[in-house]
């Protein structure tokens, strides 16, 4: 079985969700199998048109397997030389259309990771320009229709995709995103908060309205006891400091190991999103022993048993959210016990477990 991964490969450790999935799955699979990763010349300012059509170059090597960058034509001819039995489109990139063109000539199984519904995100969340939105929508339609297997993260994601495209449910596999071992190690060294203000982590950018940042600020501003809120991401228009009894801090996105260390003395992870396909950060925070307080609209909520290993509230339910935070503040034994059960998520979501699910799909 010869696998080719296609998508975007980030050589750093400051990764968004799809990039982390791509990097971890490629790393796990290449540890035991010879494989390759194909990406494109994405940077329009750095690379010429000629390079984007005919170019190729080595990016890096992982476990003796190459990550290579291709132009559109060079990727097409590489496929004929490499002769993969499976092509895993692991992040949504328009250049992966070349893989479907190759499918007309050679028998190959194509697996596509549905990290999000791109057409919905472009038209509802981002207000992407008409031309780019149209190109993405055409590509997404092809990916969803002609892939042999579709990897979804949640039932809600499937339902949203079905509202916009014709989806063959027989093609669908549900595979969650994984969690790095460094977060489990962080959880074993968890610093218990007995009487200090609750330390709450929120990850997202202020311009992404679906993340629910405005809701978070409004809700925590009404709480009648002190809390510390640690915002991870881009918050250029927001001024850190006191809002009511909530003290806000801002940090840039961090490399994986630094983030695991950062979580050592934190208590709660909040996802107040109206649209969140999974939330790798929620899984990582749970493995590190933080208590998750997430909306039902957060895909990771399907791995949370309410009041057992975390809490679930409905998007926009300010009173319900405040009640959860008050309970955790007043009952530190409950905070500690749920923290312990929360950390057990690593046993299910370790990357070694997740790759075994992908291998079943490849076969």
Protein backbone atom coordinates (compact mmCIF):
# COMPACT_ATOMS: atom_id res chain seq x y z
CA UNK A 1 0.00 0.00 0.00
CA UNK A 2 1.58 3.23 -1.19
CA UNK A 3 0.20 6.44 0.35
CA UNK A 4 0.66 10.00 -0.89
CA UNK A 5 -0.45 12.84 1.37
CA UNK A 6 -1.59 16.04 -0.29
CA UNK A 7 -2.21 19.39 1.37
CA UNK A 8 -0.32 22.05 3.31
CA UNK A 9 2.70 21.08 5.42
CA UNK A 10 3.85 23.58 8.06
CA UNK A 11 7.44 22.96 9.13
CA UNK A 12 7.00 25.06 12.31
CA UNK A 13 5.14 24.09 15.48
CA UNK A 14 2.78 27.08 15.43
CA UNK A 15 -0.04 25.20 13.75
CA UNK A 16 -3.72 25.62 13.09
CA UNK A 17 -5.96 22.56 13.44
CA UNK A 18 -5.77 21.17 9.87
CA UNK A 19 -2.00 21.79 9.74
CA UNK A 20 -1.49 19.90 12.98
CA UNK A 21 -3.57 16.96 11.73
CA UNK A 22 -1.54 16.89 8.50
CA UNK A 23 1.79 17.04 10.29
CA UNK A 24 0.93 14.49 12.98
CA UNK A 25 -0.70 11.92 10.69
CA UNK A 26 2.17 12.15 8.22
CA UNK A 27 4.66 11.82 11.08
CA UNK A 28 2.89 8.84 12.63
CA UNK A 29 2.46 7.03 9.33
CA UNK A 30 5.99 7.72 8.05
CA UNK A 31 7.46 6.36 11.30
CA UNK A 32 6.57 2.84 10.09
CA UNK A 33 6.04 3.24 6.34
CA UNK A 34 7.80 4.90 3.44
CA UNK A 35 5.51 7.62 2.11
CA UNK A 36 5.53 11.18 0.72
CA UNK A 37 3.77 14.50 1.22
CA UNK A 38 2.96 16.80 -1.73
CA UNK A 39 2.24 20.48 -1.28
CA UNK A 40 2.03 23.51 -3.59
CA UNK A 41 3.95 26.76 -4.10
CA UNK A 42 1.38 28.67 -2.05
CA UNK A 43 3.18 31.98 -1.57
CA UNK A 44 2.15 34.09 -4.58
CA UNK A 45 4.68 36.83 -3.82
CA UNK A 46 7.60 34.46 -3.42
CA UNK A 47 7.11 32.11 -6.38
CA UNK A 48 6.77 32.86 -10.08
CA UNK A 49 3.99 31.60 -12.35
CA UNK A 50 6.54 29.31 -14.00
CA UNK A 51 7.39 27.79 -10.63
CA UNK A 52 3.70 27.32 -9.79
CA UNK A 53 3.19 25.38 -13.01
CA UNK A 54 6.38 23.41 -13.57
CA UNK A 55 8.46 23.76 -10.39
CA UNK A 56 9.39 21.18 -7.76
CA UNK A 57 11.62 21.26 -4.70
CA UNK A 58 12.27 19.36 -1.48
CA UNK A 59 10.82 20.96 1.65
CA UNK A 60 11.97 18.63 4.43
CA UNK A 61 12.34 14.98 5.37
CA UNK A 62 10.38 13.19 8.11
CA UNK A 63 11.39 9.67 9.13
CA UNK A 64 13.17 9.30 5.76
CA UNK A 65 9.98 10.24 3.89
CA UNK A 66 10.05 13.38 1.78
CA UNK A 67 7.85 16.45 1.88
CA UNK A 68 7.97 17.94 -1.62
CA UNK A 69 6.58 21.12 -3.15
CA UNK A 70 5.17 20.97 -6.68
CA UNK A 71 3.72 23.11 -9.40
CA UNK A 72 0.46 21.90 -10.95
CA UNK A 73 2.00 20.13 -13.97
CA UNK A 74 4.94 18.70 -12.05
CA UNK A 75 2.57 17.21 -9.46
CA UNK A 76 0.55 15.54 -12.21
CA UNK A 77 3.61 13.83 -13.67
CA UNK A 78 4.95 12.98 -10.20
CA UNK A 79 1.77 11.01 -9.54
CA UNK A 80 2.47 8.80 -12.56
CA UNK A 81 6.01 8.16 -11.31
CA UNK A 82 5.05 7.60 -7.68
CA UNK A 83 1.96 5.46 -8.48
CA UNK A 84 0.14 5.80 -5.13
CA UNK A 85 -2.59 3.32 -4.25
CA UNK A 86 -4.10 5.90 -1.87
CA UNK A 87 -4.03 9.70 -2.02
CA UNK A 88 -4.97 11.35 1.26
CA UNK A 89 -6.06 14.97 0.74
CA UNK A 90 -5.46 15.93 4.33
CA UNK A 91 -6.09 19.69 4.13
CA UNK A 92 -8.34 21.55 1.70
CA UNK A 93 -6.21 23.09 -1.05
CA UNK A 94 -7.41 23.79 -4.58
CA UNK A 95 -4.27 22.33 -6.16
CA UNK A 96 -5.41 18.86 -5.00
CA UNK A 97 -7.78 18.87 -7.99
CA UNK A 98 -4.78 17.41 -9.84
CA UNK A 99 -5.30 14.22 -7.83
CA UNK A 100 -8.81 13.81 -9.24
CA UNK A 101 -7.49 14.35 -12.77
CA UNK A 102 -4.98 11.56 -12.12
CA UNK A 103 -7.88 9.36 -10.97
CA UNK A 104 -9.19 9.40 -14.57
CA UNK A 105 -6.03 7.60 -15.71
CA UNK A 106 -5.09 5.31 -12.84
CA UNK A 107 -6.93 3.36 -10.20
CA UNK A 108 -6.41 5.17 -6.89
CA UNK A 109 -8.36 5.57 -3.66
CA UNK A 110 -8.81 9.19 -2.58
CA UNK A 111 -9.44 10.05 1.07
CA UNK A 112 -10.49 13.61 1.97
CA UNK A 113 -10.41 15.21 5.43
CA UNK A 114 -13.40 17.51 5.94
CA UNK A 115 -11.95 19.92 8.49
CA UNK A 116 -14.70 22.41 7.75
CA UNK A 117 -17.38 23.25 5.22
CA UNK A 118 -15.43 25.74 3.11
CA UNK A 119 -18.41 27.11 1.15
CA UNK A 120 -20.26 27.91 4.38
CA UNK A 121 -17.18 29.48 5.95
CA UNK A 122 -16.48 31.65 2.89
CA UNK A 123 -20.05 32.88 2.44
CA UNK A 124 -21.24 33.16 6.03
CA UNK A 125 -18.22 33.54 8.31
CA UNK A 126 -15.52 35.20 6.22
CA UNK A 127 -17.35 37.02 3.41
CA UNK A 128 -14.69 35.87 0.95
CA UNK A 129 -14.57 37.56 -2.47
CA UNK A 130 -16.91 36.13 -5.11
CA UNK A 131 -14.19 34.72 -7.38
CA UNK A 132 -12.29 32.90 -4.62
CA UNK A 133 -15.53 31.69 -3.06
CA UNK A 134 -16.69 30.28 -6.40
CA UNK A 135 -13.39 28.46 -6.99
CA UNK A 136 -13.42 27.00 -3.48
CA UNK A 137 -17.04 25.90 -3.84
CA UNK A 138 -16.34 24.08 -7.12
CA UNK A 139 -13.33 22.32 -5.61
CA UNK A 140 -15.21 21.38 -2.46
CA UNK A 141 -18.06 19.93 -4.51
CA UNK A 142 -15.59 17.77 -6.48
CA UNK A 143 -13.76 16.67 -3.33
CA UNK A 144 -16.98 15.64 -1.61
CA UNK A 145 -18.47 13.91 -4.64
CA UNK A 146 -15.50 12.05 -6.10
CA UNK A 147 -13.45 11.11 -3.04
CA UNK A 148 -13.74 7.45 -2.08
CA UNK A 149 -13.74 8.16 1.67
CA UNK A 150 -14.73 11.30 3.56
CA UNK A 151 -13.33 11.87 7.04
CA UNK A 152 -15.71 14.00 9.14
CA UNK A 153 -15.24 15.24 12.68
CA UNK A 154 -18.84 15.46 13.91
CA UNK A 155 -22.45 14.72 13.01
CA UNK A 156 -23.16 18.46 12.90
CA UNK A 157 -20.49 18.85 10.24
CA UNK A 158 -22.11 16.11 8.16
CA UNK A 159 -25.52 17.76 8.45
CA UNK A 160 -24.11 21.14 7.41
CA UNK A 161 -22.36 19.59 4.41
CA UNK A 162 -25.58 17.82 3.41
CA UNK A 163 -27.46 21.13 3.50
CA UNK A 164 -25.17 22.44 0.76
CA UNK A 165 -23.99 19.37 -1.18
CA UNK A 166 -25.11 15.89 -2.11
CA UNK A 167 -23.21 13.55 0.25
CA UNK A 168 -23.01 9.77 0.01
CA UNK A 169 -23.22 8.66 3.65
CA UNK A 170 -21.69 5.30 2.75
CA UNK A 171 -18.41 7.10 2.13
CA UNK A 172 -18.24 8.72 5.57
CA UNK A 173 -15.89 7.76 8.40
CA UNK A 174 -15.86 9.63 11.72
CA UNK A 175 -12.32 10.10 13.02
CA UNK A 176 -11.53 12.70 15.70
CA UNK A 177 -8.42 14.82 15.82
CA UNK A 178 -5.65 13.70 18.13
CA UNK A 179 -3.67 15.01 21.08
CA UNK A 180 0.10 15.16 21.60
CA UNK A 181 1.68 13.23 24.47
CA UNK A 182 3.29 16.42 25.79
CA UNK A 183 -0.17 17.52 27.00
CA UNK A 184 -0.65 14.28 28.92
CA UNK A 185 2.71 14.89 30.59
CA UNK A 186 1.61 18.42 31.40
CA UNK A 187 -1.53 16.99 33.01
CA UNK A 188 0.48 14.72 35.31
CA UNK A 189 2.27 17.80 36.66
CA UNK A 190 -0.95 19.77 37.09
CA UNK A 191 -0.82 22.56 39.63
CA UNK A 192 -4.00 22.44 41.72
CA UNK A 193 -5.79 25.73 42.31
CA UNK A 194 -7.30 25.63 45.78
CA UNK A 195 -8.15 29.28 46.46
CA UNK A 196 -6.65 31.52 43.76
CA UNK A 197 -8.88 33.11 41.06
CA UNK A 198 -9.96 30.66 38.37
CA UNK A 199 -7.61 30.74 35.40
CA UNK A 200 -9.56 30.40 32.16
CA UNK A 201 -8.10 29.83 28.68
CA UNK A 202 -9.78 30.96 25.46
CA UNK A 203 -8.26 30.38 22.02
CA UNK A 204 -9.36 32.27 18.92
CA UNK A 205 -9.03 35.54 17.03
CA UNK A 206 -11.25 38.53 17.71
CA UNK A 207 -12.16 38.91 14.02
CA UNK A 208 -13.62 35.38 13.93
CA UNK A 209 -17.09 36.15 15.25
CA UNK A 210 -18.08 32.48 15.32
CA UNK A 211 -15.59 31.92 18.16
CA UNK A 212 -17.86 33.82 20.57
CA UNK A 213 -15.27 36.19 22.01
CA UNK A 214 -17.76 39.03 22.51
CA UNK A 215 -20.03 36.63 24.40
CA UNK A 216 -17.13 35.59 26.65
CA UNK A 217 -16.23 39.19 27.55
CA UNK A 218 -19.85 40.09 28.23
CA UNK A 219 -20.55 37.02 30.37
CA UNK A 220 -17.39 37.16 32.46
CA UNK A 221 -17.89 40.89 33.00
CA UNK A 222 -21.05 40.03 34.97
CA UNK A 223 -19.44 37.48 37.31
CA UNK A 224 -19.23 38.68 40.91
CA UNK A 225 -15.88 37.08 41.78
CA UNK A 226 -12.36 37.45 40.40
CA UNK A 227 -11.23 35.42 37.38
CA UNK A 228 -8.18 35.50 35.16
CA UNK A 229 -8.76 35.07 31.41
CA UNK A 230 -5.89 34.06 29.13
CA UNK A 231 -6.61 34.84 25.48
CA UNK A 232 -4.52 32.95 22.90
CA UNK A 233 -4.50 34.45 19.40
CA UNK A 234 -4.91 37.83 17.70
CA UNK A 235 -6.73 40.45 19.77
CA UNK A 236 -5.33 43.74 18.45
CA UNK A 237 -8.45 45.81 19.08
CA UNK A 238 -9.03 44.47 22.58
CA UNK A 239 -7.22 46.10 25.49
CA UNK A 240 -6.13 43.62 28.17
CA UNK A 241 -6.81 44.42 31.80
CA UNK A 242 -9.82 44.48 34.11
CA UNK A 243 -13.39 44.14 32.84
CA UNK A 244 -15.58 43.93 35.91
CA UNK A 245 -14.02 41.20 38.04
CA UNK A 246 -12.32 39.54 35.06
CA UNK A 247 -8.64 40.24 34.44
CA UNK A 248 -7.68 39.63 30.80
CA UNK A 249 -4.24 38.66 29.47
CA UNK A 250 -3.25 38.16 25.82
CA UNK A 251 -0.67 35.75 24.39
CA UNK A 252 0.29 34.95 20.81
CA UNK A 253 -0.21 31.44 19.46
CA UNK A 254 2.54 29.20 20.80
CA UNK A 255 4.56 26.22 19.72
CA UNK A 256 3.19 22.92 21.01
CA UNK A 257 5.60 22.33 23.91
CA UNK A 258 5.42 25.93 25.06
CA UNK A 259 1.62 25.76 25.04
CA UNK A 260 1.67 22.55 27.09
CA UNK A 261 3.84 24.28 29.71
CA UNK A 262 1.56 27.33 29.60
CA UNK A 263 -1.41 25.15 30.58
CA UNK A 264 0.23 23.78 33.74
CA UNK A 265 -1.41 26.25 36.13
CA UNK A 266 -4.64 26.89 34.19
CA UNK A 267 -8.02 25.53 35.32
CA UNK A 268 -10.66 25.84 32.59
CA UNK A 269 -10.76 25.85 28.80
CA UNK A 270 -13.70 27.68 27.23
CA UNK A 271 -15.08 27.28 23.71
CA UNK A 272 -18.04 29.64 23.24
CA UNK A 273 -18.22 28.98 19.48
CA UNK A 274 -21.28 28.91 17.28
CA UNK A 275 -19.30 26.91 14.69
CA UNK A 276 -16.37 24.70 15.65
CA UNK A 277 -15.81 21.46 13.74
CA UNK A 278 -13.74 19.89 16.52
CA UNK A 279 -11.26 22.06 18.46
CA UNK A 280 -7.88 20.40 18.81
CA UNK A 281 -7.08 23.00 21.48
CA UNK A 282 -9.99 21.74 23.59
CA UNK A 283 -8.67 18.17 23.36
CA UNK A 284 -5.14 19.28 24.23
CA UNK A 285 -6.39 21.31 27.18
CA UNK A 286 -8.39 18.35 28.47
CA UNK A 287 -5.35 16.08 28.23
CA UNK A 288 -3.47 18.70 30.26
CA UNK A 289 -6.13 18.51 32.97
CA UNK A 290 -8.16 21.62 32.25
CA UNK A 291 -11.92 21.39 32.69
CA UNK A 292 -13.62 22.00 29.32
CA UNK A 293 -16.63 24.33 29.24
CA UNK A 294 -17.78 24.23 25.64
CA UNK A 295 -20.83 24.91 23.52
CA UNK A 296 -22.86 22.05 22.10
CA UNK A 297 -21.84 23.52 18.72
CA UNK A 298 -18.19 22.64 19.43
CA UNK A 299 -17.42 19.26 17.80
CA UNK A 300 -15.32 18.18 20.78
CA UNK A 301 -18.51 18.26 22.89
CA UNK A 302 -19.36 14.75 21.68
CA UNK A 303 -16.41 13.51 23.80
CA UNK A 304 -17.63 15.33 26.92
CA UNK A 305 -20.06 13.89 29.45
CA UNK A 306 -21.74 16.86 31.08
CA UNK A 307 -20.66 17.34 34.70
CA UNK A 308 -18.45 14.24 34.51
CA UNK A 309 -15.38 15.20 32.46
CA UNK A 310 -16.51 18.70 31.50
CA UNK A 311 -19.49 20.94 30.86
CA UNK A 312 -21.62 21.68 27.81
CA UNK A 313 -23.82 24.74 27.32
CA UNK A 314 -25.80 26.07 24.37
CA UNK A 315 -24.29 28.83 22.25
CA UNK A 316 -25.34 32.21 23.59
CA UNK A 317 -26.68 30.84 26.90
CA UNK A 318 -25.11 33.45 29.15
CA UNK A 319 -26.91 32.37 32.33
CA UNK A 320 -26.00 28.72 31.80
CA UNK A 321 -22.35 29.60 31.20
CA UNK A 322 -22.14 31.83 34.28
CA UNK A 323 -23.74 29.13 36.42
CA UNK A 324 -21.02 26.64 35.38
CA UNK A 325 -18.18 29.06 36.16
CA UNK A 326 -19.73 29.92 39.53
CA UNK A 327 -20.06 26.23 40.41
CA UNK A 328 -16.41 25.51 39.57
CA UNK A 329 -15.28 28.55 41.54
CA UNK A 330 -17.25 27.64 44.66
CA UNK A 331 -16.52 23.89 44.61
CA UNK A 332 -12.78 23.37 44.08
CA UNK A 333 -13.07 19.66 44.89
CA UNK A 334 -15.43 19.31 41.93
CA UNK A 335 -12.98 21.31 39.80
CA UNK A 336 -10.21 18.90 40.79
CA UNK A 337 -12.23 15.71 40.24
CA UNK A 338 -13.47 16.77 36.82
CA UNK A 339 -9.93 17.81 35.92
CA UNK A 340 -8.72 14.27 36.61
CA UNK A 341 -11.45 12.72 34.46
CA UNK A 342 -10.91 15.31 31.74
CA UNK A 343 -7.24 14.30 31.42
CA UNK A 344 -8.31 10.73 30.62
CA UNK A 345 -9.29 11.91 27.13
CA UNK A 346 -5.69 11.29 26.07
CA UNK A 347 -6.26 7.53 26.36
CA UNK A 348 -8.78 7.85 23.54
CA UNK A 349 -7.31 10.66 21.47
CA UNK A 350 -3.57 9.95 21.39
CA UNK A 351 -2.21 10.27 17.85
CA UNK A 352 -1.10 6.63 17.93
CA UNK A 353 -4.76 5.64 18.40
CA UNK A 354 -5.95 8.06 15.73
CA UNK A 355 -3.49 6.83 13.08
CA UNK A 356 -4.77 3.29 13.55
CA UNK A 357 -8.23 4.54 12.53
CA UNK A 358 -6.78 6.17 9.41
CA UNK A 359 -4.95 2.99 8.44
CA UNK A 360 -8.28 1.12 8.48
CA UNK A 361 -9.60 3.71 6.00
CA UNK A 362 -6.57 3.36 3.74
CA UNK A 363 -6.89 -0.45 3.50
